[in-house]
Protein backbone atom coordinates (compact mmCIF):
# COMPACT_ATOMS: atom_id res chain seq x y z
CA MET A 1 -127.07 94.53 46.60
CA ASN A 2 -127.23 92.68 43.55
CA ALA A 3 -125.06 94.74 41.29
CA GLU A 4 -122.28 94.98 44.03
CA ALA A 5 -122.83 91.02 44.38
CA SER A 6 -122.15 90.53 41.05
CA ALA A 7 -119.37 92.94 40.57
CA ALA A 8 -117.73 90.84 43.89
CA LEU A 9 -118.42 87.39 42.00
CA GLY A 10 -116.45 88.73 38.90
CA PRO A 11 -117.01 89.02 35.44
CA ASP A 12 -117.14 85.15 34.99
CA ALA A 13 -119.64 84.42 37.35
CA GLY A 14 -122.54 83.88 34.84
CA ALA A 15 -120.22 81.40 33.27
CA ARG A 16 -119.93 79.55 35.93
CA ALA A 17 -122.91 79.09 37.12
CA PRO A 18 -124.94 76.11 36.20
CA THR A 19 -127.62 76.17 33.39
CA ASP A 20 -130.03 74.21 31.78
CA ASP A 21 -129.38 74.26 28.26
CA PRO A 22 -131.49 72.57 26.16
CA SER A 23 -129.33 72.37 22.99
CA SER A 24 -127.00 70.21 25.26
CA ALA A 25 -129.77 67.93 26.10
CA GLY A 26 -130.66 67.97 22.72
CA GLN A 27 -127.35 66.38 21.22
CA ALA A 28 -127.31 64.09 24.06
CA GLY A 29 -130.03 62.89 22.79
CA VAL A 30 -129.06 63.05 18.87
CA SER A 31 -126.44 61.25 19.77
CA ALA A 32 -127.71 58.65 21.51
CA ARG A 33 -129.92 57.92 18.72
CA GLY A 34 -126.89 58.09 16.52
CA ARG A 35 -125.37 55.33 18.38
CA ALA A 36 -127.91 53.22 18.48
CA TRP A 37 -128.31 53.53 14.58
CA ARG A 38 -124.92 52.81 14.32
CA LEU A 39 -125.42 49.45 16.48
CA ARG A 40 -128.22 48.77 14.37
CA VAL A 41 -127.02 49.12 10.99
CA GLY A 42 -123.49 50.49 11.19
CA ASN A 43 -121.46 47.56 12.01
CA ALA A 44 -119.93 46.53 9.19
CA PRO A 45 -118.74 42.79 10.68
CA ALA A 46 -122.18 42.31 12.24
CA CYS A 47 -123.98 43.11 8.86
CA VAL A 48 -121.62 40.44 7.15
CA ALA A 49 -122.18 37.95 9.59
CA ALA A 50 -125.80 38.23 9.51
CA MET A 51 -125.83 38.20 5.60
CA VAL A 52 -123.34 34.67 6.03
CA LEU A 53 -125.64 33.20 8.56
CA LEU A 54 -128.56 34.16 6.83
CA LEU A 55 -127.33 32.57 3.21
CA ILE A 56 -126.33 29.29 5.40
CA VAL A 57 -130.18 29.06 6.95
CA LEU A 58 -131.80 29.87 3.46
CA ALA A 59 -129.63 27.22 2.00
CA ALA A 60 -130.31 24.53 4.53
CA ALA A 61 -133.98 25.30 4.40
CA GLY A 62 -134.39 25.12 0.98
CA ALA A 63 -131.78 22.51 -0.14
CA ALA A 64 -134.48 20.06 -1.39
CA TYR A 65 -135.47 23.13 -3.99
CA LEU A 66 -131.71 23.83 -4.99
CA PRO A 67 -130.23 22.58 -8.30
CA LEU A 68 -127.91 20.32 -6.26
CA PRO A 69 -126.90 16.53 -7.00
CA ASP A 70 -128.40 14.07 -4.44
CA PRO A 71 -125.84 14.04 -1.79
CA LEU A 72 -126.23 10.19 -0.98
CA ARG A 73 -125.64 8.97 -4.67
CA LEU A 74 -122.72 7.16 -5.13
CA ASP A 75 -120.45 7.69 -8.56
CA LEU A 76 -117.42 6.07 -8.06
CA ALA A 77 -116.52 6.57 -11.50
CA HIS A 78 -115.94 10.47 -10.48
CA LYS A 79 -114.63 9.81 -7.07
CA PHE A 80 -112.23 12.45 -6.21
CA ARG A 81 -113.19 14.78 -8.58
CA PRO A 82 -111.35 18.09 -7.83
CA PRO A 83 -113.52 21.62 -8.05
CA ALA A 84 -114.76 23.01 -10.97
CA TRP A 85 -111.79 25.76 -11.04
CA VAL A 86 -108.76 23.26 -10.60
CA ALA A 87 -107.66 21.00 -13.66
CA GLY A 88 -109.95 18.11 -13.88
CA GLY A 89 -112.83 19.83 -12.25
CA SER A 90 -116.72 20.11 -13.71
CA LEU A 91 -119.19 22.62 -13.37
CA ARG A 92 -121.35 19.60 -12.25
CA ASN A 93 -119.49 19.49 -9.15
CA LEU A 94 -118.27 22.97 -8.32
CA LEU A 95 -116.37 22.13 -4.86
CA GLY A 96 -115.57 18.75 -5.91
CA THR A 97 -116.73 15.08 -4.93
CA ASP A 98 -115.24 12.80 -2.24
CA ALA A 99 -114.09 8.81 -1.93
CA GLN A 100 -117.20 7.70 -2.84
CA GLY A 101 -118.21 10.32 -5.93
CA ARG A 102 -120.99 12.36 -3.54
CA ASP A 103 -121.12 15.78 -4.22
CA VAL A 104 -119.16 18.05 -1.64
CA LEU A 105 -121.26 21.01 -1.93
CA ALA A 106 -124.63 19.34 -2.26
CA ARG A 107 -123.18 17.67 1.28
CA ILE A 108 -122.07 20.67 2.66
CA VAL A 109 -125.77 22.36 2.15
CA PHE A 110 -127.37 19.24 3.50
CA GLY A 111 -125.09 18.86 6.38
CA ALA A 112 -125.99 22.60 7.56
CA ARG A 113 -129.16 21.40 8.64
CA THR A 114 -128.10 18.93 11.13
CA SER A 115 -125.28 21.94 12.71
CA LEU A 116 -128.18 24.10 12.70
CA ILE A 117 -131.15 22.05 13.99
CA VAL A 118 -128.75 20.30 16.90
CA GLY A 119 -127.39 23.84 17.78
CA LEU A 120 -130.65 25.50 18.17
CA ALA A 121 -132.44 22.47 19.79
CA ALA A 122 -129.70 22.22 22.52
CA VAL A 123 -129.54 25.66 23.04
CA LEU A 124 -133.29 25.80 23.79
CA LEU A 125 -133.11 22.83 25.77
CA SER A 126 -130.11 23.65 27.80
CA SER A 127 -131.23 27.04 28.18
CA ALA A 128 -134.61 26.20 29.46
CA LEU A 129 -133.17 23.92 31.95
CA GLY A 130 -130.28 26.14 32.95
CA LEU A 131 -132.97 29.07 33.52
CA VAL A 132 -135.28 27.33 35.84
CA LEU A 133 -132.72 25.98 37.88
CA GLY A 134 -130.20 28.97 38.36
CA LEU A 135 -133.73 31.00 39.27
CA LEU A 136 -134.71 28.24 41.61
CA ALA A 137 -131.30 28.43 43.00
CA GLY A 138 -130.86 32.11 43.27
CA TRP A 139 -134.36 32.83 44.91
CA ALA A 140 -134.78 29.98 47.37
CA ARG A 141 -131.22 29.93 48.46
CA GLY A 142 -130.48 27.55 51.31
CA VAL A 143 -130.50 23.93 50.87
CA VAL A 144 -131.78 24.03 47.48
CA ASP A 145 -129.14 26.83 46.13
CA THR A 146 -126.41 24.33 48.13
CA VAL A 147 -127.46 21.62 45.91
CA ILE A 148 -128.00 22.75 42.51
CA MET A 149 -124.51 24.73 42.80
CA ARG A 150 -122.72 21.48 44.38
CA VAL A 151 -123.73 19.60 40.93
CA THR A 152 -122.96 22.70 38.58
CA ASP A 153 -119.10 22.44 40.30
CA ALA A 154 -119.00 18.83 40.04
CA MET A 155 -119.95 18.79 36.03
CA LEU A 156 -117.62 21.77 35.33
CA ALA A 157 -114.97 19.72 37.18
CA ILE A 158 -115.41 17.45 34.49
CA PRO A 159 -113.87 18.21 31.08
CA THR A 160 -116.92 19.09 28.51
CA MET A 161 -116.00 16.74 25.87
CA LEU A 162 -114.89 14.23 27.91
CA PHE A 163 -118.47 13.73 29.62
CA MET A 164 -120.00 14.15 26.00
CA LEU A 165 -117.98 11.29 24.86
CA VAL A 166 -119.04 9.00 27.95
CA VAL A 167 -122.62 9.79 27.70
CA ALA A 168 -122.57 9.74 23.89
CA MET A 169 -121.08 6.07 24.54
CA VAL A 170 -123.71 4.47 26.50
CA ALA A 171 -126.78 6.80 24.55
CA ASP A 172 -128.15 5.71 21.03
CA SER A 173 -127.03 7.46 17.87
CA GLY A 174 -129.32 9.76 16.24
CA MET A 175 -129.99 13.46 16.38
CA GLY A 176 -132.15 13.13 19.33
CA PRO A 177 -129.91 11.43 21.71
CA LEU A 178 -127.33 13.96 20.53
CA ILE A 179 -129.24 16.91 21.08
CA LEU A 180 -129.71 15.67 24.97
CA VAL A 181 -126.08 14.75 25.30
CA ILE A 182 -125.18 18.23 24.08
CA ALA A 183 -127.83 19.94 25.86
CA LEU A 184 -126.75 18.04 29.71
CA THR A 185 -123.06 19.42 29.44
CA HIS A 186 -124.44 22.89 28.93
CA TRP A 187 -126.93 24.07 31.08
CA VAL A 188 -124.48 24.42 34.26
CA HIS A 189 -123.51 27.82 32.33
CA TYR A 190 -126.81 29.13 32.19
CA ALA A 191 -127.45 27.92 35.76
CA ARG A 192 -124.84 29.80 37.22
CA LEU A 193 -125.55 32.93 35.20
CA VAL A 194 -128.98 32.84 36.05
CA ARG A 195 -128.49 32.29 39.72
CA ALA A 196 -125.86 35.23 39.87
CA GLU A 197 -128.11 37.56 38.35
CA THR A 198 -131.54 36.74 40.39
CA LEU A 199 -129.19 37.19 43.39
CA ARG A 200 -128.64 40.53 42.40
CA VAL A 201 -131.81 41.70 41.28
CA ARG A 202 -133.65 40.02 44.28
CA GLU A 203 -132.06 42.64 46.49
CA LEU A 204 -133.28 45.76 44.60
CA GLU A 205 -135.95 48.12 46.16
CA PHE A 206 -138.95 47.31 43.49
CA VAL A 207 -138.51 43.51 44.30
CA GLY A 208 -139.05 44.74 47.95
CA ALA A 209 -141.53 46.73 47.21
CA ALA A 210 -143.47 43.56 45.80
CA ARG A 211 -143.03 41.72 48.39
CA ILE A 212 -144.68 44.48 50.65
CA ALA A 213 -147.15 44.37 47.97
CA GLY A 214 -148.43 40.78 48.94
CA LEU A 215 -147.08 39.48 45.38
CA GLY A 216 -146.18 35.86 45.67
CA PRO A 217 -142.67 34.57 44.66
CA VAL A 218 -143.61 32.97 41.44
CA ARG A 219 -145.20 35.83 40.36
CA ILE A 220 -142.36 38.40 41.47
CA VAL A 221 -140.20 35.86 39.61
CA TRP A 222 -142.14 35.72 36.49
CA ARG A 223 -142.85 39.62 36.49
CA HIS A 224 -139.91 41.57 38.05
CA VAL A 225 -136.78 39.16 38.15
CA LEU A 226 -136.80 37.58 35.13
CA PRO A 227 -136.79 40.40 32.93
CA ASN A 228 -134.37 42.13 34.37
CA ILE A 229 -131.97 38.75 33.84
CA LEU A 230 -133.07 38.49 30.00
CA ALA A 231 -130.64 40.41 28.30
CA SER A 232 -127.34 38.76 29.77
CA PHE A 233 -128.97 35.48 29.04
CA VAL A 234 -129.96 36.11 25.90
CA VAL A 235 -126.33 37.23 24.88
CA VAL A 236 -125.27 34.05 26.37
CA ALA A 237 -127.45 31.86 24.72
CA ALA A 238 -126.49 33.27 21.38
CA LEU A 239 -122.79 32.70 21.64
CA ASN A 240 -123.66 29.23 22.95
CA VAL A 241 -124.73 28.51 19.46
CA GLY A 242 -121.33 28.25 18.18
CA ALA A 243 -120.10 26.50 21.01
CA ILE A 244 -122.58 23.54 20.34
CA ILE A 245 -122.11 23.40 16.82
CA LEU A 246 -118.15 22.84 17.50
CA ALA A 247 -119.46 20.27 19.76
CA GLU A 248 -121.97 18.57 17.72
CA SER A 249 -118.63 18.72 14.56
CA SER A 250 -116.60 17.00 17.02
CA LEU A 251 -118.67 14.43 18.31
CA SER A 252 -119.69 13.58 14.73
CA PHE A 253 -116.00 13.76 14.12
CA LEU A 254 -114.94 11.26 16.43
CA GLY A 255 -117.84 9.01 15.20
CA PHE A 256 -120.57 9.56 18.25
CA GLY A 257 -122.75 12.22 16.63
CA VAL A 258 -125.35 11.38 13.72
CA GLN A 259 -124.65 8.47 11.62
CA PRO A 260 -125.20 7.64 7.47
CA PRO A 261 -127.23 8.08 5.63
CA GLN A 262 -127.41 11.69 7.96
CA ILE A 263 -124.96 14.25 6.70
CA SER A 264 -122.91 16.24 9.23
CA TRP A 265 -120.30 18.70 8.76
CA GLY A 266 -118.08 16.86 11.47
CA GLN A 267 -118.78 13.34 9.70
CA MET A 268 -117.18 14.89 6.50
CA LEU A 269 -114.45 16.34 7.94
CA SER A 270 -113.81 12.76 9.38
CA GLU A 271 -114.41 11.22 6.22
CA GLY A 272 -112.20 13.68 4.33
CA ARG A 273 -109.15 13.70 6.72
CA GLN A 274 -107.56 10.70 5.22
CA SER A 275 -107.31 11.99 1.92
CA LEU A 276 -106.30 15.46 2.95
CA ALA A 277 -102.99 15.50 1.20
CA THR A 278 -104.18 14.37 -2.26
CA SER A 279 -107.83 15.87 -2.36
CA TRP A 280 -107.73 18.54 -0.03
CA TRP A 281 -111.04 20.01 -1.09
CA VAL A 282 -112.82 16.88 0.77
CA ALA A 283 -112.41 18.21 4.15
CA THR A 284 -111.39 21.68 3.57
CA PHE A 285 -114.73 23.19 2.51
CA PRO A 286 -116.67 21.50 5.35
CA GLY A 287 -113.92 22.88 7.71
CA LEU A 288 -114.54 26.34 6.07
CA ALA A 289 -118.52 25.89 6.80
CA ILE A 290 -117.94 25.32 10.49
CA THR A 291 -115.42 27.93 10.59
CA LEU A 292 -117.62 30.57 8.95
CA THR A 293 -120.84 29.37 10.41
CA VAL A 294 -119.27 29.79 14.17
CA LEU A 295 -117.25 32.85 13.67
CA SER A 296 -120.79 34.50 12.18
CA VAL A 297 -122.56 33.71 15.47
CA ILE A 298 -119.62 35.15 17.63
CA VAL A 299 -119.88 38.26 15.98
CA LEU A 300 -123.60 38.44 15.92
CA GLY A 301 -123.69 37.78 19.93
CA ASP A 302 -121.27 40.30 20.18
CA TRP A 303 -123.20 42.92 18.68
CA LEU A 304 -126.17 41.45 20.24
CA ARG A 305 -124.33 42.34 23.81
CA ASP A 306 -123.33 45.75 22.90
CA TYR A 307 -126.80 46.44 21.71
CA LEU A 308 -128.62 45.12 24.91
CA ASP A 309 -125.81 46.57 27.15
CA PRO A 310 -124.12 49.73 25.70
CA ARG A 311 -122.02 49.96 28.92
CA LEU A 312 -120.12 46.94 27.93
CA SER A 313 -119.11 48.33 24.61
């Protein structure tokens, strides 16, 4: 009967029959490992962005130990000195000097501290606030969810820059108030994301099993909900660093950010815009610093998204 059945099925029956091929599974594993390796070290734009950010961070952290002129020292005898490779330039001031004879390169390096500190601190503060409120809204629902979401809707209805300007005008100047102003305008994005992810995760089976097992809400959120929303949350936070650096530069450009003698890239742009036609380097190089930093953050954030969730790549 077995021979007759095989003959009836034809010679291709064995080919059509499903088989468990260990070599196919091995190839799939190798492919997955190869893809993970490419995401780690094979992404050329991400590697370049990481090196640029590392250079900026190291320069900002070790600015006091670099052989740079004092960024606050006035030298009116050499104001608007061009970069070293332009006629009239000097190796003493590689990127030239500004209207008061201050070294542009030194001010860019020291100004990186402001942008990085404000960017990271504002992201930490706004993401922490958004995480707590988003978890609360998504888990509690009801009146709590309605109140929090209506507040976020009201804040999103106001242009971010306008809201920051209004708050900055009534707040004190300085790095601390600037961080608070920016954080107060960026937490809403985290809150909406975390709420949506919490609503999704709370309906999954393992959360229901945790409820049946008698775990309390705080423990369920901490042990089961939070780990499952952390990947998307981290990606948004990483991408938001660039947006906050731009926000800080914009406020400083308009005169509502850090004030002298503190140095900011946006402040340097504001000082150099009046002489842009004749002394282009005063505003151009701080602008390039902002562009490179924000672009590097975006590229790394995009790589991080692909690494944490390969389905999006």
